[in-house]
Amino acid sequence: MIDLNEGGARQTVRTIKNAGGKAHGYTVDITGRKALETPPWPIARQAKRSTFL
């Protein structure tokens, strides 16, 4: 889970885990064009399988 809002990311991760899923939360600011050109690959490498929505 990536979100600009750290608290929001934590809450979403908690919701997913409480439902039996697996999740990790990261605070990432993707509001600028530069950030969109450089995806958070280090985050993706930390997971065996990632789904980005």
Protein backbone atom coordinates (compact mmCIF):
# COMPACT_ATOMS: atom_id res chain seq x y z
CA MET A 1 0.00 0.00 0.00
CA ILE A 2 1.48 3.32 -0.99
CA ASP A 3 -0.08 6.56 0.11
CA LEU A 4 0.95 10.15 0.68
CA ASN A 5 -0.89 10.00 4.00
CA GLU A 6 1.06 7.73 6.39
CA GLY A 7 -1.92 7.30 8.72
CA GLY A 8 -4.16 6.37 5.81
CA ALA A 9 -1.66 3.76 4.62
CA ARG A 10 -1.44 2.27 8.12
CA GLN A 11 -5.23 2.07 8.39
CA THR A 12 -5.58 0.41 4.98
CA VAL A 13 -2.87 -2.12 5.82
CA ARG A 14 -4.61 -2.89 9.11
CA THR A 15 -7.94 -3.39 7.31
CA ILE A 16 -6.36 -5.77 4.79
CA LYS A 17 -4.59 -7.75 7.52
CA ASN A 18 -7.74 -7.92 9.65
CA ALA A 19 -9.51 -9.46 6.64
CA GLY A 20 -6.82 -12.14 6.41
CA GLY A 21 -4.71 -10.56 3.69
CA LYS A 22 -1.08 -9.53 3.57
CA ALA A 23 -0.04 -5.92 3.12
CA HIS A 24 2.78 -3.47 3.73
CA GLY A 25 2.40 0.29 3.91
CA TYR A 26 4.73 2.91 2.50
CA THR A 27 4.49 6.68 2.45
CA VAL A 28 5.20 7.87 -1.09
CA ASP A 29 4.51 11.26 -2.65
CA ILE A 30 3.48 10.66 -6.26
CA THR A 31 1.95 14.09 -6.82
CA GLY A 32 4.79 15.33 -9.01
CA ARG A 33 5.57 14.24 -12.55
CA LYS A 34 9.14 13.28 -11.58
CA ALA A 35 7.87 10.78 -9.01
CA LEU A 36 5.64 9.16 -11.62
CA GLU A 37 8.62 8.71 -13.94
CA THR A 38 10.51 6.81 -11.24
CA PRO A 39 8.30 4.04 -9.84
CA PRO A 40 8.94 2.77 -6.31
CA TRP A 41 10.82 -0.35 -7.50
CA PRO A 42 12.64 -0.89 -4.16
CA ILE A 43 9.19 -1.31 -2.62
CA ALA A 44 8.12 -3.78 -5.32
CA ARG A 45 11.29 -5.84 -4.86
CA GLN A 46 10.50 -6.31 -1.15
CA ALA A 47 7.42 -8.35 -1.99
CA LYS A 48 7.37 -11.72 -3.75
CA ARG A 49 4.28 -10.64 -5.68
CA SER A 50 2.90 -7.13 -5.72
CA THR A 51 -0.34 -5.74 -7.00
CA PHE A 52 -0.44 -2.03 -7.79
CA LEU A 53 -3.90 -0.54 -8.26
